[in-house]
C-alpha atoms as a PDB file:
ATOM      1  CA  UNK A   1     -15.371  -5.752 -14.429  1.00  0.00           C
ATOM      2  CA  UNK A   2     -12.315  -3.019 -14.655  1.00  0.00           C
ATOM      3  CA  UNK A   3     -10.409  -2.859 -11.662  1.00  0.00           C
ATOM      4  CA  UNK A   4     -10.652   0.832 -10.124  1.00  0.00           C
ATOM      5  CA  UNK A   5      -6.847   2.069 -10.165  1.00  0.00           C
ATOM      6  CA  UNK A   6      -5.311   4.650  -8.149  1.00  0.00           C
ATOM      7  CA  UNK A   7      -1.587   5.891  -8.567  1.00  0.00           C
ATOM      8  CA  UNK A   8       0.763   7.562  -6.399  1.00  0.00           C
ATOM      9  CA  UNK A   9       4.431   9.009  -6.813  1.00  0.00           C
ATOM     10  CA  UNK A  10       6.779   9.704  -4.307  1.00  0.00           C
ATOM     11  CA  UNK A  11      10.425  10.501  -4.386  1.00  0.00           C
ATOM     12  CA  UNK A  12      12.612   9.663  -1.728  1.00  0.00           C
ATOM     13  CA  UNK A  13      16.141   8.716  -0.242  1.00  0.00           C
ATOM     14  CA  UNK A  14      16.708   4.995  -0.120  1.00  0.00           C
ATOM     15  CA  UNK A  15      16.500   5.112   3.665  1.00  0.00           C
ATOM     16  CA  UNK A  16      12.899   6.041   3.363  1.00  0.00           C
ATOM     17  CA  UNK A  17      11.050   3.585   0.407  1.00  0.00           C
ATOM     18  CA  UNK A  18      10.076   1.280   3.526  1.00  0.00           C
ATOM     19  CA  UNK A  19       8.424   3.859   5.415  1.00  0.00           C
ATOM     20  CA  UNK A  20       7.073   5.868   2.557  1.00  0.00           C
ATOM     21  CA  UNK A  21       5.140   2.631   1.373  1.00  0.00           C
ATOM     22  CA  UNK A  22       4.384   1.242   4.458  1.00  0.00           C
ATOM     23  CA  UNK A  23       2.242   4.497   5.070  1.00  0.00           C
ATOM     24  CA  UNK A  24       0.208   4.396   2.388  1.00  0.00           C
ATOM     25  CA  UNK A  25      -0.294   0.412   2.439  1.00  0.00           C
ATOM     26  CA  UNK A  26      -1.081  -0.124   5.509  1.00  0.00           C
ATOM     27  CA  UNK A  27      -3.866   2.789   6.405  1.00  0.00           C
ATOM     28  CA  UNK A  28      -5.682   1.144   2.681  1.00  0.00           C
ATOM     29  CA  UNK A  29      -5.485  -2.220   3.923  1.00  0.00           C
ATOM     30  CA  UNK A  30      -6.727  -1.152   7.474  1.00  0.00           C
ATOM     31  CA  UNK A  31     -10.093  -0.090   5.100  1.00  0.00           C
ATOM     32  CA  UNK A  32     -10.056  -3.417   3.576  1.00  0.00           C
ATOM     33  CA  UNK A  33      -9.524  -5.705   6.465  1.00  0.00           C
ATOM     34  CA  UNK A  34     -12.834  -6.988   8.893  1.00  0.00           C
ATOM     35  CA  UNK A  35     -13.057  -9.062  11.611  1.00  0.00           C
ATOM     36  CA  UNK A  36     -13.221 -12.783  11.733  1.00  0.00           C
ATOM     37  CA  UNK A  37     -16.262 -14.157  10.341  1.00  0.00           C
ATOM     38  CA  UNK A  38     -18.219 -16.805  12.797  1.00  0.00           C
ATOM     39  CA  UNK A  39     -20.557 -18.525  10.985  1.00  0.00           C
ATOM     40  CA  UNK A  40     -23.808 -19.676  12.594  1.00  0.00           C
ATOM     41  CA  UNK A  41     -25.414 -21.314   9.161  1.00  0.00           C
ATOM     42  CA  UNK A  42     -24.433 -21.143   5.854  1.00  0.00           C
ATOM     43  CA  UNK A  43     -25.479 -17.328   5.568  1.00  0.00           C
ATOM     44  CA  UNK A  44     -25.972 -16.134   9.102  1.00  0.00           C
ATOM     45  CA  UNK A  45     -22.554 -14.849  10.543  1.00  0.00           C
ATOM     46  CA  UNK A  46     -20.716 -12.394  12.913  1.00  0.00           C
ATOM     47  CA  UNK A  47     -18.152 -10.416  12.257  1.00  0.00           C
ATOM     48  CA  UNK A  48     -15.572  -9.530  15.171  1.00  0.00           C
ATOM     49  CA  UNK A  49     -13.287  -6.446  15.748  1.00  0.00           C
ATOM     50  CA  UNK A  50     -10.555  -5.092  14.030  1.00  0.00           C
ATOM     51  CA  UNK A  51      -8.336  -3.155  16.417  1.00  0.00           C
ATOM     52  CA  UNK A  52      -5.804  -0.557  15.297  1.00  0.00           C
ATOM     53  CA  UNK A  53      -2.264   0.942  16.294  1.00  0.00           C
ATOM     54  CA  UNK A  54      -0.601   4.734  15.283  1.00  0.00           C
ATOM     55  CA  UNK A  55       2.808   3.892  13.632  1.00  0.00           C
ATOM     56  CA  UNK A  56       5.743   6.803  14.034  1.00  0.00           C
ATOM     57  CA  UNK A  57       7.566   6.870  10.814  1.00  0.00           C
ATOM     58  CA  UNK A  58      11.537   6.236  11.484  1.00  0.00           C
ATOM     59  CA  UNK A  59      13.101   8.193   8.928  1.00  0.00           C
ATOM     60  CA  UNK A  60      11.007  11.207   8.637  1.00  0.00           C
ATOM     61  CA  UNK A  61       7.464  12.970  10.223  1.00  0.00           C
ATOM     62  CA  UNK A  62       4.729  11.167   9.567  1.00  0.00           C
ATOM     63  CA  UNK A  63       2.467   9.002  11.929  1.00  0.00           C
ATOM     64  CA  UNK A  64      -0.221   6.618   9.544  1.00  0.00           C
ATOM     65  CA  UNK A  65      -2.667   3.793  11.104  1.00  0.00           C
ATOM     66  CA  UNK A  66      -2.408   0.027  10.600  1.00  0.00           C
ATOM     67  CA  UNK A  67      -4.768  -3.164  11.736  1.00  0.00           C
ATOM     68  CA  UNK A  68      -3.408  -4.710  15.112  1.00  0.00           C
ATOM     69  CA  UNK A  69      -2.389  -7.784  13.353  1.00  0.00           C
ATOM     70  CA  UNK A  70       1.174  -9.139  13.621  1.00  0.00           C
ATOM     71  CA  UNK A  71       1.124 -11.614  11.105  1.00  0.00           C
ATOM     72  CA  UNK A  72      -0.550  -9.038   8.876  1.00  0.00           C
ATOM     73  CA  UNK A  73       1.750  -6.664   9.127  1.00  0.00           C
ATOM     74  CA  UNK A  74       4.727  -9.256   8.458  1.00  0.00           C
ATOM     75  CA  UNK A  75       3.307  -9.850   5.424  1.00  0.00           C
ATOM     76  CA  UNK A  76       3.334  -6.755   4.447  1.00  0.00           C
ATOM     77  CA  UNK A  77       6.469  -5.547   5.686  1.00  0.00           C
ATOM     78  CA  UNK A  78       8.378  -8.667   3.805  1.00  0.00           C
ATOM     79  CA  UNK A  79       6.911  -7.965   0.581  1.00  0.00           C
ATOM     80  CA  UNK A  80       7.989  -3.932   1.168  1.00  0.00           C
ATOM     81  CA  UNK A  81      11.142  -4.564   2.387  1.00  0.00           C
ATOM     82  CA  UNK A  82      11.956  -6.743  -0.880  1.00  0.00           C
ATOM     83  CA  UNK A  83      11.365  -4.090  -2.917  1.00  0.00           C
ATOM     84  CA  UNK A  84      13.073  -1.419  -1.206  1.00  0.00           C
ATOM     85  CA  UNK A  85      16.066  -3.864  -1.189  1.00  0.00           C
ATOM     86  CA  UNK A  86      15.786  -4.325  -4.839  1.00  0.00           C
ATOM     87  CA  UNK A  87      15.582  -0.761  -5.851  1.00  0.00           C
ATOM     88  CA  UNK A  88      18.866   0.488  -3.924  1.00  0.00           C
ATOM     89  CA  UNK A  89      20.741  -2.301  -5.129  1.00  0.00           C
ATOM     90  CA  UNK A  90      19.518  -1.996  -8.780  1.00  0.00           C
ATOM     91  CA  UNK A  91      22.939  -0.809 -10.786  1.00  0.00           C
ATOM     92  CA  UNK A  92      20.515   0.343 -13.878  1.00  0.00           C
ATOM     93  CA  UNK A  93      17.812   2.046 -12.133  1.00  0.00           C
ATOM     94  CA  UNK A  94      16.397   4.017  -9.365  1.00  0.00           C
ATOM     95  CA  UNK A  95      12.888   3.988  -9.722  1.00  0.00           C
ATOM     96  CA  UNK A  96       9.982   1.352  -9.105  1.00  0.00           C
ATOM     97  CA  UNK A  97       6.561   0.856  -8.992  1.00  0.00           C
ATOM     98  CA  UNK A  98       5.045  -1.417  -6.067  1.00  0.00           C
ATOM     99  CA  UNK A  99       1.316  -2.500  -6.131  1.00  0.00           C
ATOM    100  CA  UNK A 100      -1.553  -3.514  -3.672  1.00  0.00           C
ATOM    101  CA  UNK A 101      -3.967  -5.441  -5.947  1.00  0.00           C
ATOM    102  CA  UNK A 102      -7.570  -6.980  -4.304  1.00  0.00           C
ATOM    103  CA  UNK A 103      -9.558  -9.167  -5.854  1.00  0.00           C
ATOM    104  CA  UNK A 104     -12.124 -11.811  -5.598  1.00  0.00           C
ATOM    105  CA  UNK A 105     -12.355 -15.555  -6.960  1.00  0.00           C
ATOM    106  CA  UNK A 106     -14.242 -16.936  -9.913  1.00  0.00           C
ATOM    107  CA  UNK A 107     -14.851 -20.883  -9.857  1.00  0.00           C
ATOM    108  CA  UNK A 108     -14.334 -22.706 -12.816  1.00  0.00           C
ATOM    109  CA  UNK A 109     -15.158 -25.954 -14.667  1.00  0.00           C
ATOM    110  CA  UNK A 110     -12.787 -28.801 -13.161  1.00  0.00           C
ATOM    111  CA  UNK A 111      -9.761 -29.122 -13.519  1.00  0.00           C
ATOM    112  CA  UNK A 112      -9.329 -25.575 -14.016  1.00  0.00           C
ATOM    113  CA  UNK A 113      -8.173 -23.325 -10.633  1.00  0.00           C
ATOM    114  CA  UNK A 114     -10.154 -20.342  -9.795  1.00  0.00           C
ATOM    115  CA  UNK A 115      -9.988 -16.753 -11.652  1.00  0.00           C
ATOM    116  CA  UNK A 116      -8.705 -14.292  -9.893  1.00  0.00           C
ATOM    117  CA  UNK A 117     -10.440 -11.067 -10.636  1.00  0.00           C
ATOM    118  CA  UNK A 118      -8.883  -7.563  -9.621  1.00  0.00           C
ATOM    119  CA  UNK A 119     -11.378  -4.827  -8.643  1.00  0.00           C
ATOM    120  CA  UNK A 120      -8.810  -2.565  -6.867  1.00  0.00           C
ATOM    121  CA  UNK A 121      -5.254  -1.658  -7.640  1.00  0.00           C
ATOM    122  CA  UNK A 122      -3.504   0.559  -5.476  1.00  0.00           C
ATOM    123  CA  UNK A 123       0.121   1.498  -7.068  1.00  0.00           C
ATOM    124  CA  UNK A 124       3.079   3.537  -6.152  1.00  0.00           C
ATOM    125  CA  UNK A 125       5.631   4.679  -7.999  1.00  0.00           C
ATOM    126  CA  UNK A 126       8.766   5.333  -6.296  1.00  0.00           C
ATOM    127  CA  UNK A 127      11.759   7.698  -7.435  1.00  0.00           C
ATOM    128  CA  UNK A 128      15.209   7.882  -5.354  1.00  0.00           C
ATOM    129  CA  UNK A 129      17.054  11.005  -4.809  1.00  0.00           C
ATOM    130  CA  UNK A 130      20.205  12.069  -4.059  1.00  0.00           C
ATOM    131  CA  UNK A 131      20.571  15.018  -1.494  1.00  0.00           C
ATOM    132  CA  UNK A 132      24.017  16.545  -1.073  1.00  0.00           C
ATOM    133  CA  UNK A 133      23.628  17.699   2.737  1.00  0.00           C
ATOM    134  CA  UNK A 134      21.828  18.014   5.933  1.00  0.00           C
ATOM    135  CA  UNK A 135      19.834  21.123   5.376  1.00  0.00           C
ATOM    136  CA  UNK A 136      18.628  19.638   2.039  1.00  0.00           C
ATOM    137  CA  UNK A 137      17.554  16.435   3.838  1.00  0.00           C
ATOM    138  CA  UNK A 138      15.578  18.073   6.709  1.00  0.00           C
ATOM    139  CA  UNK A 139      13.760  20.028   4.046  1.00  0.00           C
ATOM    140  CA  UNK A 140      12.681  16.872   2.265  1.00  0.00           C
ATOM    141  CA  UNK A 141      11.781  15.017   4.809  1.00  0.00           C
ATOM    142  CA  UNK A 142       9.374  18.147   5.694  1.00  0.00           C
ATOM    143  CA  UNK A 143       8.068  18.357   2.490  1.00  0.00           C
ATOM    144  CA  UNK A 144       7.428  14.252   2.560  1.00  0.00           C
ATOM    145  CA  UNK A 145       5.850  14.029   5.250  1.00  0.00           C
ATOM    146  CA  UNK A 146       3.407  16.860   4.198  1.00  0.00           C
ATOM    147  CA  UNK A 147       3.236  14.895   0.511  1.00  0.00           C
ATOM    148  CA  UNK A 148       1.803  11.505   2.621  1.00  0.00           C
ATOM    149  CA  UNK A 149      -0.206  13.091   4.631  1.00  0.00           C
ATOM    150  CA  UNK A 150      -2.406  14.701   1.830  1.00  0.00           C
ATOM    151  CA  UNK A 151      -2.156  10.993   0.336  1.00  0.00           C
ATOM    152  CA  UNK A 152      -3.432   9.557   3.517  1.00  0.00           C
ATOM    153  CA  UNK A 153      -6.847  12.296   2.842  1.00  0.00           C
ATOM    154  CA  UNK A 154      -7.101  10.684  -0.618  1.00  0.00           C
ATOM    155  CA  UNK A 155      -7.043   6.743   0.847  1.00  0.00           C
ATOM    156  CA  UNK A 156      -9.669   8.560   3.002  1.00  0.00           C
ATOM    157  CA  UNK A 157     -11.692  10.045   0.657  1.00  0.00           C
ATOM    158  CA  UNK A 158     -11.710   7.129  -1.538  1.00  0.00           C
ATOM    159  CA  UNK A 159     -12.717   4.679   1.327  1.00  0.00           C
ATOM    160  CA  UNK A 160     -15.417   7.080   2.077  1.00  0.00           C
ATOM    161  CA  UNK A 161     -17.096   6.516  -1.690  1.00  0.00           C
ATOM    162  CA  UNK A 162     -19.674   3.948  -1.853  1.00  0.00           C
ATOM    163  CA  UNK A 163     -17.693   1.883  -4.783  1.00  0.00           C
ATOM    164  CA  UNK A 164     -18.076  -1.620  -5.727  1.00  0.00           C
ATOM    165  CA  UNK A 165     -16.817  -3.846  -2.633  1.00  0.00           C
ATOM    166  CA  UNK A 166     -17.213  -7.837  -3.291  1.00  0.00           C
ATOM    167  CA  UNK A 167     -20.361  -9.318  -2.006  1.00  0.00           C
ATOM    168  CA  UNK A 168     -20.596 -10.662   1.625  1.00  0.00           C
ATOM    169  CA  UNK A 169     -20.073 -14.176   1.101  1.00  0.00           C
ATOM    170  CA  UNK A 170     -21.898 -17.296   2.001  1.00  0.00           C
ATOM    171  CA  UNK A 171     -19.538 -19.586   4.215  1.00  0.00           C
ATOM    172  CA  UNK A 172     -19.174 -21.796   1.354  1.00  0.00           C
ATOM    173  CA  UNK A 173     -17.854 -19.278  -0.537  1.00  0.00           C
ATOM    174  CA  UNK A 174     -15.650 -17.414   2.181  1.00  0.00           C
ATOM    175  CA  UNK A 175     -12.578 -17.907   0.486  1.00  0.00           C
ATOM    176  CA  UNK A 176     -13.302 -16.120  -2.570  1.00  0.00           C
ATOM    177  CA  UNK A 177     -13.524 -13.042  -1.450  1.00  0.00           C
ATOM    178  CA  UNK A 178     -11.610 -13.133   2.061  1.00  0.00           C
ATOM    179  CA  UNK A 179      -8.501 -14.175   3.257  1.00  0.00           C
ATOM    180  CA  UNK A 180      -8.939 -16.156   6.344  1.00  0.00           C
ATOM    181  CA  UNK A 181      -5.360 -17.268   6.790  1.00  0.00           C
ATOM    182  CA  UNK A 182      -4.958 -14.802   9.218  1.00  0.00           C
ATOM    183  CA  UNK A 183      -6.303 -15.706  13.373  1.00  0.00           C
ATOM    184  CA  UNK A 184      -7.117 -12.345  14.253  1.00  0.00           C
ATOM    185  CA  UNK A 185      -8.513 -10.490  11.227  1.00  0.00           C
ATOM    186  CA  UNK A 186      -9.921 -11.148   7.573  1.00  0.00           C
ATOM    187  CA  UNK A 187      -8.435  -8.988   4.611  1.00  0.00           C
ATOM    188  CA  UNK A 188     -10.291  -8.867   1.439  1.00  0.00           C
ATOM    189  CA  UNK A 189      -8.387 -10.800  -0.630  1.00  0.00           C
ATOM    190  CA  UNK A 190      -4.903  -9.250  -1.904  1.00  0.00           C
ATOM    191  CA  UNK A 191      -1.560  -9.468  -3.482  1.00  0.00           C
ATOM    192  CA  UNK A 192       1.732  -7.239  -3.572  1.00  0.00           C
ATOM    193  CA  UNK A 193       3.823  -7.436  -6.888  1.00  0.00           C
ATOM    194  CA  UNK A 194       6.702  -4.714  -7.475  1.00  0.00           C
ATOM    195  CA  UNK A 195       9.124  -4.194 -10.482  1.00  0.00           C
ATOM    196  CA  UNK A 196      12.439  -2.283 -10.377  1.00  0.00           C
ATOM    197  CA  UNK A 197      12.706  -0.669 -14.375  1.00  0.00           C
ATOM    198  CA  UNK A 198      14.841   2.273 -16.190  1.00  0.00           C
ATOM    199  CA  UNK A 199      13.096   5.822 -15.439  1.00  0.00           C
ATOM    200  CA  UNK A 200      11.033   6.475 -18.631  1.00  0.00           C
ATOM    201  CA  UNK A 201      11.760  10.167 -17.847  1.00  0.00           C
ATOM    202  CA  UNK A 202      14.673  12.104 -16.476  1.00  0.00           C
ATOM    203  CA  UNK A 203      15.024  11.259 -13.189  1.00  0.00           C
ATOM    204  CA  UNK A 204      15.175  13.576 -10.108  1.00  0.00           C
ATOM    205  CA  UNK A 205      18.516  14.903 -10.131  1.00  0.00           C
ATOM    206  CA  UNK A 206      20.073  17.525  -7.836  1.00  0.00           C
ATOM    207  CA  UNK A 207      18.928  20.382  -9.407  1.00  0.00           C
ATOM    208  CA  UNK A 208      15.193  19.750  -9.264  1.00  0.00           C
ATOM    209  CA  UNK A 209      15.558  18.720  -5.246  1.00  0.00           C
ATOM    210  CA  UNK A 210      16.851  22.244  -4.770  1.00  0.00           C
ATOM    211  CA  UNK A 211      13.958  23.875  -7.103  1.00  0.00           C
ATOM    212  CA  UNK A 212      11.386  21.565  -5.048  1.00  0.00           C
ATOM    213  CA  UNK A 213      13.070  22.510  -2.038  1.00  0.00           C
ATOM    214  CA  UNK A 214      13.416  26.362  -3.144  1.00  0.00           C
ATOM    215  CA  UNK A 215       9.327  26.167  -3.926  1.00  0.00           C
ATOM    216  CA  UNK A 216       8.872  24.557  -0.814  1.00  0.00           C
ATOM    217  CA  UNK A 217      10.629  27.112   1.367  1.00  0.00           C
ATOM    218  CA  UNK A 218       8.751  30.278  -0.704  1.00  0.00           C
ATOM    219  CA  UNK A 219       5.506  29.146   0.327  1.00  0.00           C
END
């Protein structure tokens, strides 16, 4: 089975990396998270509810939704902060990517561990930009907020499609499909990984930023 792949590209200032990635990963995970399962029998269960919170970004004008789970938020934020620090502190590169991968486990014969099979991957490619003055920064913040709104709408459209999701498991197979380590929610199994590397194409410089801002003002 080939995993579905979705790729976003964002150009941001260093201080905006964390907000921009969280504003996309959290809505994705909100749609890929269920309430806790309570099993009566092997294949008979009830599912709890998932609360939600609206979160305002600190570095630009945008609001996103996340599951109301401190543990899940802490895990995601820790991974994203590490990525943000790596890309900002990299001497050789100001580009990188971070991926949110959903997978299910498949049992294998003893003594081998279960095999992880990805079924959906969301990747955000990030490039850092440098802005010369506060006017350019303000216009860039406005453009970034609009761009993330469009990406959020795309996420919603994808989630409303009838595409493959792992089959609801029996009690004995629960941990092959869901992460049951959180006390309040139960997301599909996922992992976050990131890398920083030199850009394969010319980076977004001041001239490019100015042209983009000029196009934005002309619309």
